[in-house]
C-alpha atoms as a PDB file:
ATOM      1  CA  MET A   1      70.122 121.272  97.893  1.00  0.00           C
ATOM      2  CA  THR A   2      66.947 119.887  96.345  1.00  0.00           C
ATOM      3  CA  ASN A   3      65.684 123.422  95.687  1.00  0.00           C
ATOM      4  CA  LEU A   4      69.007 124.337  94.033  1.00  0.00           C
ATOM      5  CA  VAL A   5      68.823 121.309  91.720  1.00  0.00           C
ATOM      6  CA  ARG A   6      65.219 122.121  90.875  1.00  0.00           C
ATOM      7  CA  LEU A   7      66.175 125.717  90.095  1.00  0.00           C
ATOM      8  CA  ALA A   8      69.076 124.591  87.881  1.00  0.00           C
ATOM      9  CA  TYR A   9      66.678 122.324  86.005  1.00  0.00           C
ATOM     10  CA  LYS A  10      64.179 125.138  85.453  1.00  0.00           C
ATOM     11  CA  VAL A  11      66.715 127.784  84.479  1.00  0.00           C
ATOM     12  CA  SER A  12      68.570 125.506  82.041  1.00  0.00           C
ATOM     13  CA  ARG A  13      65.442 124.944  79.899  1.00  0.00           C
ATOM     14  CA  VAL A  14      65.550 121.149  79.574  1.00  0.00           C
ATOM     15  CA  ARG A  15      63.780 121.405  76.197  1.00  0.00           C
ATOM     16  CA  PHE A  16      66.794 123.276  74.860  1.00  0.00           C
ATOM     17  CA  TRP A  17      69.629 121.189  76.324  1.00  0.00           C
ATOM     18  CA  LEU A  18      70.402 119.690  72.929  1.00  0.00           C
ATOM     19  CA  TYR A  19      70.698 123.105  71.293  1.00  0.00           C
ATOM     20  CA  LEU A  20      74.199 123.395  72.767  1.00  0.00           C
ATOM     21  CA  GLY A  21      75.036 119.837  73.767  1.00  0.00           C
ATOM     22  CA  GLY A  22      73.901 118.474  70.399  1.00  0.00           C
ATOM     23  CA  PRO A  23      76.113 120.742  68.252  1.00  0.00           C
ATOM     24  CA  TYR A  24      79.129 119.937  70.427  1.00  0.00           C
ATOM     25  CA  LEU A  25      78.486 116.208  70.101  1.00  0.00           C
ATOM     26  CA  VAL A  26      77.860 116.334  66.349  1.00  0.00           C
ATOM     27  CA  GLY A  27      80.878 118.599  65.809  1.00  0.00           C
ATOM     28  CA  TYR A  28      83.028 116.180  67.764  1.00  0.00           C
ATOM     29  CA  MET A  29      81.707 113.230  65.785  1.00  0.00           C
ATOM     30  CA  ILE A  30      82.432 114.995  62.482  1.00  0.00           C
ATOM     31  CA  GLY A  31      85.924 115.753  63.793  1.00  0.00           C
ATOM     32  CA  VAL A  32      86.452 112.076  64.620  1.00  0.00           C
ATOM     33  CA  ALA A  33      85.198 111.033  61.181  1.00  0.00           C
ATOM     34  CA  ASP A  34      87.508 113.593  59.569  1.00  0.00           C
ATOM     35  CA  THR A  35      90.493 112.473  61.620  1.00  0.00           C
ATOM     36  CA  TYR A  36      90.171 108.724  61.012  1.00  0.00           C
ATOM     37  CA  LEU A  37      90.108 107.243  57.533  1.00  0.00           C
ATOM     38  CA  LEU A  38      87.822 104.230  57.583  1.00  0.00           C
ATOM     39  CA  PRO A  39      88.244 101.380  58.092  1.00  0.00           C
ATOM     40  CA  GLU A  40      90.146 102.238  61.251  1.00  0.00           C
ATOM     41  CA  PRO A  41      90.334 100.148  64.440  1.00  0.00           C
ATOM     42  CA  SER A  42      87.148 101.052  66.234  1.00  0.00           C
ATOM     43  CA  LEU A  43      88.791 100.954  69.663  1.00  0.00           C
ATOM     44  CA  ALA A  44      91.079 103.792  68.577  1.00  0.00           C
ATOM     45  CA  VAL A  45      88.031 105.754  67.486  1.00  0.00           C
ATOM     46  CA  LEU A  46      86.114 105.068  70.692  1.00  0.00           C
ATOM     47  CA  TYR A  47      89.074 106.233  72.739  1.00  0.00           C
ATOM     48  CA  ASN A  48      88.188 109.792  71.742  1.00  0.00           C
ATOM     49  CA  PHE A  49      84.803 109.440  73.432  1.00  0.00           C
ATOM     50  CA  LEU A  50      86.440 108.257  76.650  1.00  0.00           C
ATOM     51  CA  ASP A  51      88.708 111.291  76.768  1.00  0.00           C
ATOM     52  CA  PRO A  52      87.988 113.119  80.071  1.00  0.00           C
ATOM     53  CA  LEU A  53      88.171 116.501  78.327  1.00  0.00           C
ATOM     54  CA  PHE A  54      85.503 115.436  75.831  1.00  0.00           C
ATOM     55  CA  ILE A  55      83.249 114.251  78.671  1.00  0.00           C
ATOM     56  CA  LEU A  56      83.795 117.456  80.669  1.00  0.00           C
ATOM     57  CA  HIS A  57      82.962 119.568  77.611  1.00  0.00           C
ATOM     58  CA  LEU A  58      79.882 117.528  76.746  1.00  0.00           C
ATOM     59  CA  VAL A  59      78.582 117.814  80.317  1.00  0.00           C
ATOM     60  CA  TYR A  60      79.283 121.547  80.225  1.00  0.00           C
ATOM     61  CA  PHE A  61      77.365 122.190  77.020  1.00  0.00           C
ATOM     62  CA  ILE A  62      74.417 120.061  78.128  1.00  0.00           C
ATOM     63  CA  LEU A  63      73.799 121.702  81.506  1.00  0.00           C
ATOM     64  CA  PRO A  64      76.140 124.419  82.889  1.00  0.00           C
ATOM     65  CA  ALA A  65      76.334 126.238  79.539  1.00  0.00           C
ATOM     66  CA  ASN A  66      72.544 126.379  79.384  1.00  0.00           C
ATOM     67  CA  ILE A  67      72.408 127.634  82.967  1.00  0.00           C
ATOM     68  CA  PHE A  68      74.866 130.384  82.049  1.00  0.00           C
ATOM     69  CA  LEU A  69      73.081 131.374  78.828  1.00  0.00           C
ATOM     70  CA  TYR A  70      69.521 131.292  80.152  1.00  0.00           C
ATOM     71  CA  GLY A  71      70.428 132.369  83.680  1.00  0.00           C
ATOM     72  CA  VAL A  72      71.861 135.627  82.343  1.00  0.00           C
ATOM     73  CA  ASN A  73      68.731 135.891  80.191  1.00  0.00           C
ATOM     74  CA  ASP A  74      66.395 135.451  83.172  1.00  0.00           C
ATOM     75  CA  ILE A  75      68.311 137.984  85.259  1.00  0.00           C
ATOM     76  CA  SER A  76      68.309 140.532  82.431  1.00  0.00           C
ATOM     77  CA  ASP A  77      64.768 140.008  81.111  1.00  0.00           C
ATOM     78  CA  LYS A  78      62.669 140.831  84.138  1.00  0.00           C
ATOM     79  CA  ASP A  79      61.121 143.752  82.237  1.00  0.00           C
ATOM     80  CA  THR A  80      59.859 141.639  79.320  1.00  0.00           C
ATOM     81  CA  ASP A  81      59.143 138.482  81.308  1.00  0.00           C
ATOM     82  CA  ALA A  82      56.447 140.296  83.258  1.00  0.00           C
ATOM     83  CA  PHE A  83      54.389 140.464  80.043  1.00  0.00           C
ATOM     84  CA  ASN A  84      55.395 137.092  78.602  1.00  0.00           C
ATOM     85  CA  PRO A  85      52.732 134.348  79.041  1.00  0.00           C
ATOM     86  CA  LYS A  86      55.150 131.490  78.247  1.00  0.00           C
ATOM     87  CA  LYS A  87      56.883 132.254  81.550  1.00  0.00           C
ATOM     88  CA  ASP A  88      53.747 131.098  83.345  1.00  0.00           C
ATOM     89  CA  ASP A  89      54.037 127.452  82.286  1.00  0.00           C
ATOM     90  CA  LYS A  90      56.787 126.817  79.683  1.00  0.00           C
ATOM     91  CA  GLU A  91      59.792 128.655  81.111  1.00  0.00           C
ATOM     92  CA  TYR A  92      61.185 129.941  84.371  1.00  0.00           C
ATOM     93  CA  ARG A  93      60.443 133.499  85.524  1.00  0.00           C
ATOM     94  CA  ALA A  94      63.063 134.923  87.913  1.00  0.00           C
ATOM     95  CA  VAL A  95      61.683 135.713  91.362  1.00  0.00           C
ATOM     96  CA  GLU A  96      63.268 137.624  94.233  1.00  0.00           C
ATOM     97  CA  GLN A  97      63.573 134.647  96.597  1.00  0.00           C
ATOM     98  CA  ASP A  98      65.695 132.774  94.022  1.00  0.00           C
ATOM     99  CA  GLU A  99      68.020 135.688  93.310  1.00  0.00           C
ATOM    100  CA  LYS A 100      71.072 134.559  95.323  1.00  0.00           C
ATOM    101  CA  LYS A 101      70.804 130.961  94.110  1.00  0.00           C
ATOM    102  CA  LEU A 102      70.373 132.080  90.517  1.00  0.00           C
ATOM    103  CA  TYR A 103      73.451 134.291  90.683  1.00  0.00           C
ATOM    104  CA  GLY A 104      75.356 131.411  92.291  1.00  0.00           C
ATOM    105  CA  LEU A 105      74.385 128.995  89.516  1.00  0.00           C
ATOM    106  CA  VAL A 106      75.402 131.488  86.830  1.00  0.00           C
ATOM    107  CA  LEU A 107      78.744 132.116  88.593  1.00  0.00           C
ATOM    108  CA  PHE A 108      79.425 128.376  88.890  1.00  0.00           C
ATOM    109  CA  SER A 109      78.665 127.886  85.190  1.00  0.00           C
ATOM    110  CA  PHE A 110      80.938 130.796  84.288  1.00  0.00           C
ATOM    111  CA  LEU A 111      83.815 129.376  86.354  1.00  0.00           C
ATOM    112  CA  TYR A 112      83.330 125.911  84.831  1.00  0.00           C
ATOM    113  CA  GLY A 113      83.639 127.416  81.355  1.00  0.00           C
ATOM    114  CA  ALA A 114      86.584 129.625  82.325  1.00  0.00           C
ATOM    115  CA  ILE A 115      88.506 126.587  83.581  1.00  0.00           C
ATOM    116  CA  LEU A 116      87.794 124.668  80.370  1.00  0.00           C
ATOM    117  CA  ILE A 117      89.160 127.566  78.307  1.00  0.00           C
ATOM    118  CA  ALA A 118      92.556 127.050  79.921  1.00  0.00           C
ATOM    119  CA  PHE A 119      92.687 123.440  78.680  1.00  0.00           C
ATOM    120  CA  GLN A 120      91.965 124.074  74.993  1.00  0.00           C
ATOM    121  CA  PRO A 121      94.484 122.556  72.550  1.00  0.00           C
ATOM    122  CA  THR A 122      94.880 125.687  70.397  1.00  0.00           C
ATOM    123  CA  MET A 123      94.577 129.436  70.675  1.00  0.00           C
ATOM    124  CA  ILE A 124      91.786 129.258  68.072  1.00  0.00           C
ATOM    125  CA  ALA A 125      89.850 126.892  70.344  1.00  0.00           C
ATOM    126  CA  ARG A 126      90.307 129.307  73.253  1.00  0.00           C
ATOM    127  CA  LEU A 127      89.001 132.186  71.137  1.00  0.00           C
ATOM    128  CA  ILE A 128      86.007 130.118  70.002  1.00  0.00           C
ATOM    129  CA  PHE A 129      85.132 129.193  73.581  1.00  0.00           C
ATOM    130  CA  LEU A 130      85.677 132.750  74.793  1.00  0.00           C
ATOM    131  CA  SER A 131      83.491 134.047  71.950  1.00  0.00           C
ATOM    132  CA  TRP A 132      80.736 131.673  73.006  1.00  0.00           C
ATOM    133  CA  MET A 133      80.846 132.903  76.607  1.00  0.00           C
ATOM    134  CA  ALA A 134      80.972 136.551  75.552  1.00  0.00           C
ATOM    135  CA  LEU A 135      78.046 136.249  73.124  1.00  0.00           C
ATOM    136  CA  SER A 136      76.006 134.275  75.661  1.00  0.00           C
ATOM    137  CA  PHE A 137      76.450 137.111  78.146  1.00  0.00           C
ATOM    138  CA  VAL A 138      76.009 140.198  75.958  1.00  0.00           C
ATOM    139  CA  TYR A 139      73.064 138.656  74.090  1.00  0.00           C
ATOM    140  CA  SER A 140      70.863 139.363  77.122  1.00  0.00           C
ATOM    141  CA  ALA A 141      72.832 141.552  79.522  1.00  0.00           C
ATOM    142  CA  PRO A 142      72.910 145.357  79.347  1.00  0.00           C
ATOM    143  CA  PRO A 143      74.345 147.631  78.186  1.00  0.00           C
ATOM    144  CA  LEU A 144      74.813 145.823  74.854  1.00  0.00           C
ATOM    145  CA  ARG A 145      71.787 143.502  75.160  1.00  0.00           C
ATOM    146  CA  LEU A 146      72.063 142.241  71.586  1.00  0.00           C
ATOM    147  CA  LYS A 147      68.671 140.557  71.719  1.00  0.00           C
ATOM    148  CA  ALA A 148      67.044 144.000  71.734  1.00  0.00           C
ATOM    149  CA  LYS A 149      68.809 145.250  68.599  1.00  0.00           C
ATOM    150  CA  PRO A 150      67.184 144.476  65.231  1.00  0.00           C
ATOM    151  CA  MET A 151      69.345 142.374  62.907  1.00  0.00           C
ATOM    152  CA  VAL A 152      72.050 142.002  65.556  1.00  0.00           C
ATOM    153  CA  ASP A 153      69.720 139.822  67.640  1.00  0.00           C
ATOM    154  CA  PHE A 154      69.508 136.939  65.193  1.00  0.00           C
ATOM    155  CA  LEU A 155      73.040 137.403  63.787  1.00  0.00           C
ATOM    156  CA  SER A 156      74.503 136.950  67.270  1.00  0.00           C
ATOM    157  CA  ASN A 157      72.746 133.606  67.565  1.00  0.00           C
ATOM    158  CA  ILE A 158      75.709 131.906  65.908  1.00  0.00           C
ATOM    159  CA  LEU A 159      76.591 131.176  69.536  1.00  0.00           C
ATOM    160  CA  TYR A 160      74.648 127.917  69.068  1.00  0.00           C
ATOM    161  CA  VAL A 161      77.080 126.781  66.342  1.00  0.00           C
ATOM    162  CA  LEU A 162      80.250 127.700  68.211  1.00  0.00           C
ATOM    163  CA  PRO A 163      80.247 124.488  70.328  1.00  0.00           C
ATOM    164  CA  ALA A 164      80.322 122.433  67.100  1.00  0.00           C
ATOM    165  CA  ILE A 165      83.195 124.512  65.697  1.00  0.00           C
ATOM    166  CA  LEU A 166      85.022 124.150  69.007  1.00  0.00           C
ATOM    167  CA  ALA A 167      84.648 120.356  69.052  1.00  0.00           C
ATOM    168  CA  PHE A 168      85.786 120.069  65.435  1.00  0.00           C
ATOM    169  CA  ASN A 169      88.838 122.215  66.143  1.00  0.00           C
ATOM    170  CA  GLN A 170      89.752 120.239  69.252  1.00  0.00           C
ATOM    171  CA  LEU A 171      90.249 117.136  67.094  1.00  0.00           C
ATOM    172  CA  THR A 172      91.384 118.478  63.724  1.00  0.00           C
ATOM    173  CA  LEU A 173      93.031 121.774  64.799  1.00  0.00           C
ATOM    174  CA  GLU A 174      91.098 123.332  61.912  1.00  0.00           C
ATOM    175  CA  VAL A 175      87.773 125.087  61.353  1.00  0.00           C
ATOM    176  CA  PRO A 176      84.963 123.614  59.215  1.00  0.00           C
ATOM    177  CA  PRO A 177      84.602 124.620  55.530  1.00  0.00           C
ATOM    178  CA  ILE A 178      82.938 127.982  54.995  1.00  0.00           C
ATOM    179  CA  LEU A 179      79.814 126.866  53.105  1.00  0.00           C
ATOM    180  CA  PRO A 180      78.517 124.321  55.654  1.00  0.00           C
ATOM    181  CA  LEU A 181      79.458 126.837  58.342  1.00  0.00           C
ATOM    182  CA  LEU A 182      77.337 129.544  56.731  1.00  0.00           C
ATOM    183  CA  ALA A 183      74.476 127.049  56.410  1.00  0.00           C
ATOM    184  CA  ALA A 184      74.715 126.281  60.123  1.00  0.00           C
ATOM    185  CA  PHE A 185      74.752 130.013  60.908  1.00  0.00           C
ATOM    186  CA  ALA A 186      71.628 130.483  58.789  1.00  0.00           C
ATOM    187  CA  TRP A 187      69.913 127.748  60.801  1.00  0.00           C
ATOM    188  CA  THR A 188      70.613 129.635  64.043  1.00  0.00           C
ATOM    189  CA  TRP A 189      69.469 132.947  62.545  1.00  0.00           C
ATOM    190  CA  ALA A 190      66.129 131.433  61.600  1.00  0.00           C
ATOM    191  CA  MET A 191      65.738 129.712  64.965  1.00  0.00           C
ATOM    192  CA  GLN A 192      66.275 132.958  66.868  1.00  0.00           C
ATOM    193  CA  LEU A 193      63.914 134.919  64.659  1.00  0.00           C
ATOM    194  CA  PHE A 194      61.258 132.225  64.788  1.00  0.00           C
ATOM    195  CA  SER A 195      61.492 132.072  68.578  1.00  0.00           C
ATOM    196  CA  ALA A 196      61.043 135.872  68.765  1.00  0.00           C
ATOM    197  CA  ILE A 197      57.769 135.870  66.823  1.00  0.00           C
ATOM    198  CA  PRO A 198      55.631 134.533  69.722  1.00  0.00           C
ATOM    199  CA  ASP A 199      57.203 137.233  71.938  1.00  0.00           C
ATOM    200  CA  ILE A 200      56.278 140.174  69.693  1.00  0.00           C
ATOM    201  CA  ASP A 201      53.401 141.401  71.891  1.00  0.00           C
ATOM    202  CA  ALA A 202      55.328 141.026  75.161  1.00  0.00           C
ATOM    203  CA  ASP A 203      58.394 142.766  73.713  1.00  0.00           C
ATOM    204  CA  ARG A 204      56.280 145.639  72.389  1.00  0.00           C
ATOM    205  CA  GLN A 205      54.655 146.139  75.787  1.00  0.00           C
ATOM    206  CA  ALA A 206      58.083 146.232  77.411  1.00  0.00           C
ATOM    207  CA  GLY A 207      59.471 148.623  74.794  1.00  0.00           C
ATOM    208  CA  ILE A 208      61.943 146.071  73.424  1.00  0.00           C
ATOM    209  CA  ARG A 209      62.635 146.403  69.699  1.00  0.00           C
ATOM    210  CA  THR A 210      63.686 143.036  68.249  1.00  0.00           C
ATOM    211  CA  THR A 211      63.868 142.168  64.557  1.00  0.00           C
ATOM    212  CA  ALA A 212      60.492 140.433  64.882  1.00  0.00           C
ATOM    213  CA  VAL A 213      58.988 143.567  66.442  1.00  0.00           C
ATOM    214  CA  ALA A 214      60.589 145.825  63.825  1.00  0.00           C
ATOM    215  CA  ILE A 215      59.486 143.926  60.706  1.00  0.00           C
ATOM    216  CA  GLY A 216      56.413 142.082  61.991  1.00  0.00           C
ATOM    217  CA  ARG A 217      55.203 138.483  61.940  1.00  0.00           C
ATOM    218  CA  LYS A 218      54.810 137.981  58.181  1.00  0.00           C
ATOM    219  CA  ALA A 219      58.179 139.429  57.156  1.00  0.00           C
ATOM    220  CA  SER A 220      59.846 137.506  59.986  1.00  0.00           C
ATOM    221  CA  LEU A 221      58.380 134.240  58.690  1.00  0.00           C
ATOM    222  CA  VAL A 222      59.600 135.051  55.168  1.00  0.00           C
ATOM    223  CA  LEU A 223      63.094 135.691  56.519  1.00  0.00           C
ATOM    224  CA  CYS A 224      62.950 132.423  58.474  1.00  0.00           C
ATOM    225  CA  PHE A 225      62.063 130.616  55.263  1.00  0.00           C
ATOM    226  CA  ILE A 226      64.995 132.194  53.408  1.00  0.00           C
ATOM    227  CA  PHE A 227      67.501 131.248  56.121  1.00  0.00           C
ATOM    228  CA  TRP A 228      66.180 127.710  56.555  1.00  0.00           C
ATOM    229  CA  ALA A 229      65.943 127.204  52.787  1.00  0.00           C
ATOM    230  CA  PHE A 230      69.608 128.190  52.468  1.00  0.00           C
ATOM    231  CA  PHE A 231      70.490 125.801  55.295  1.00  0.00           C
ATOM    232  CA  ALA A 232      68.555 122.875  53.836  1.00  0.00           C
ATOM    233  CA  GLY A 233      69.541 123.629  50.235  1.00  0.00           C
ATOM    234  CA  THR A 234      73.220 123.756  51.138  1.00  0.00           C
ATOM    235  CA  LEU A 235      73.099 120.434  52.992  1.00  0.00           C
ATOM    236  CA  VAL A 236      70.994 118.558  50.450  1.00  0.00           C
ATOM    237  CA  PHE A 237      71.726 120.014  47.032  1.00  0.00           C
ATOM    238  CA  ILE A 238      75.074 121.800  47.208  1.00  0.00           C
ATOM    239  CA  VAL A 239      77.420 119.893  49.523  1.00  0.00           C
ATOM    240  CA  GLN A 240      75.156 116.803  49.566  1.00  0.00           C
ATOM    241  CA  TRP A 241      76.203 116.238  53.154  1.00  0.00           C
ATOM    242  CA  ASN A 242      75.193 113.019  54.852  1.00  0.00           C
ATOM    243  CA  LEU A 243      72.550 112.033  52.313  1.00  0.00           C
ATOM    244  CA  PRO A 244      69.839 110.769  52.542  1.00  0.00           C
ATOM    245  CA  PHE A 245      69.453 111.845  56.180  1.00  0.00           C
ATOM    246  CA  SER A 246      70.026 115.540  55.501  1.00  0.00           C
ATOM    247  CA  VAL A 247      66.759 115.560  53.511  1.00  0.00           C
ATOM    248  CA  LEU A 248      65.071 115.887  56.908  1.00  0.00           C
ATOM    249  CA  SER A 249      66.363 119.476  56.966  1.00  0.00           C
ATOM    250  CA  LEU A 250      63.718 120.367  54.365  1.00  0.00           C
ATOM    251  CA  VAL A 251      61.163 120.279  57.186  1.00  0.00           C
ATOM    252  CA  TYR A 252      62.591 123.550  58.542  1.00  0.00           C
ATOM    253  CA  PRO A 253      61.725 125.829  55.575  1.00  0.00           C
ATOM    254  CA  ALA A 254      58.420 123.997  55.135  1.00  0.00           C
ATOM    255  CA  ILE A 255      57.125 125.198  58.512  1.00  0.00           C
ATOM    256  CA  PRO A 256      57.168 128.987  57.884  1.00  0.00           C
ATOM    257  CA  ILE A 257      55.644 128.363  54.440  1.00  0.00           C
ATOM    258  CA  TYR A 258      52.840 126.401  56.094  1.00  0.00           C
ATOM    259  CA  ILE A 259      52.215 129.172  58.644  1.00  0.00           C
ATOM    260  CA  LEU A 260      52.245 131.837  55.935  1.00  0.00           C
ATOM    261  CA  ALA A 261      49.711 129.823  53.935  1.00  0.00           C
ATOM    262  CA  ARG A 262      47.553 129.313  57.035  1.00  0.00           C
ATOM    263  CA  PRO A 263      47.764 132.517  59.111  1.00  0.00           C
ATOM    264  CA  GLU A 264      45.364 131.124  61.705  1.00  0.00           C
ATOM    265  CA  THR A 265      48.034 128.614  62.798  1.00  0.00           C
ATOM    266  CA  ASP A 266      48.986 128.977  66.463  1.00  0.00           C
ATOM    267  CA  ILE A 267      52.678 129.802  66.110  1.00  0.00           C
ATOM    268  CA  HIS A 268      53.170 129.539  69.877  1.00  0.00           C
ATOM    269  CA  ARG A 269      52.225 125.864  69.710  1.00  0.00           C
ATOM    270  CA  VAL A 270      54.380 125.195  66.644  1.00  0.00           C
ATOM    271  CA  TYR A 271      57.376 126.843  68.325  1.00  0.00           C
ATOM    272  CA  TRP A 272      57.322 124.349  71.190  1.00  0.00           C
ATOM    273  CA  TYR A 273      57.458 121.412  68.786  1.00  0.00           C
ATOM    274  CA  TYR A 274      60.706 122.614  67.217  1.00  0.00           C
ATOM    275  CA  PRO A 275      63.003 121.398  70.028  1.00  0.00           C
ATOM    276  CA  TYR A 276      61.643 117.875  69.604  1.00  0.00           C
ATOM    277  CA  PHE A 277      62.183 117.835  65.846  1.00  0.00           C
ATOM    278  CA  THR A 278      65.620 119.422  66.224  1.00  0.00           C
ATOM    279  CA  GLY A 279      66.544 116.762  68.771  1.00  0.00           C
ATOM    280  CA  PHE A 280      65.341 114.022  66.420  1.00  0.00           C
ATOM    281  CA  PHE A 281      67.154 115.564  63.457  1.00  0.00           C
ATOM    282  CA  GLY A 282      70.380 115.861  65.447  1.00  0.00           C
ATOM    283  CA  MET A 283      70.067 112.276  66.688  1.00  0.00           C
ATOM    284  CA  VAL A 284      69.632 110.959  63.140  1.00  0.00           C
ATOM    285  CA  ILE A 285      72.633 112.955  61.895  1.00  0.00           C
ATOM    286  CA  PHE A 286      74.699 111.828  64.883  1.00  0.00           C
ATOM    287  CA  PHE A 287      74.024 108.119  64.451  1.00  0.00           C
ATOM    288  CA  SER A 288      74.293 108.224  60.679  1.00  0.00           C
ATOM    289  CA  ILE A 289      77.857 109.509  61.142  1.00  0.00           C
ATOM    290  CA  GLY A 290      78.671 107.659  64.348  1.00  0.00           C
ATOM    291  CA  LEU A 291      77.515 104.121  63.616  1.00  0.00           C
ATOM    292  CA  PRO A 292      79.906 103.609  60.673  1.00  0.00           C
ATOM    293  CA  LEU A 293      82.753 104.521  62.997  1.00  0.00           C
ATOM    294  CA  VAL A 294      81.924 101.823  65.534  1.00  0.00           C
ATOM    295  CA  MET A 295      80.354  99.149  63.292  1.00  0.00           C
ATOM    296  CA  PRO A 296      83.562  97.024  63.262  1.00  0.00           C
ATOM    297  CA  LEU A 297      82.808  96.195  66.900  1.00  0.00           C
END
């Protein structure tokens, strides 16, 4: 049992837990804020966060969803992982003795998600959840293996926004406005492309053609800047969402500009700092929305 828990911890990439759990939580919070017109009795607001379905979904997107997403990735990426140095200390590399346990964890995570689909309040919510599961699988798994197809690899990374859209729909029965949605998609596109840059050499050795491999490091960084600039510009200057806290989003486009200006920068090291900043950014956004809802207490 201890070995199984340890394997689940490794496969789920603890550094990335908030990449799925965070969007669900923030999307749910935005849905609550959209549903209740302040000032509203705070106990009525807090009731939403005691809803068993909310708790089950939040738990899912923090751990089992990450096991499903990255477990399928580890099973499918044995060819590239053999050349990838980050698998030696930063991430899990699938080994033969873990095979049955790994498949079991992925199956459990799939069944957890499949059960949750049945309890969605709308058909749109079911389709959103189903789309998340499908993209999470075909992103890594053959024969489609979207991560190995230039352009499609980063475009398919909208899977990281789908939990937020799902949470919002669960409360409002609607989907978010198109412009903020496109900004969120652009954020995921840049994150995927940026994460692929350190893997360029390993992917080339394995014969995997990603967008980063196809266009190279410099062009990839330029594209990251464009996507993150659109994301930050939309939040800060166009929709002026959650000012002044959204100004923190300007850090994202600043990073590729810095690396382009200083090519000697170790992009591998910078990449591993992103989860910490993203977690901090999400926490600030969450509490800047959430605290006004519960302040009457």
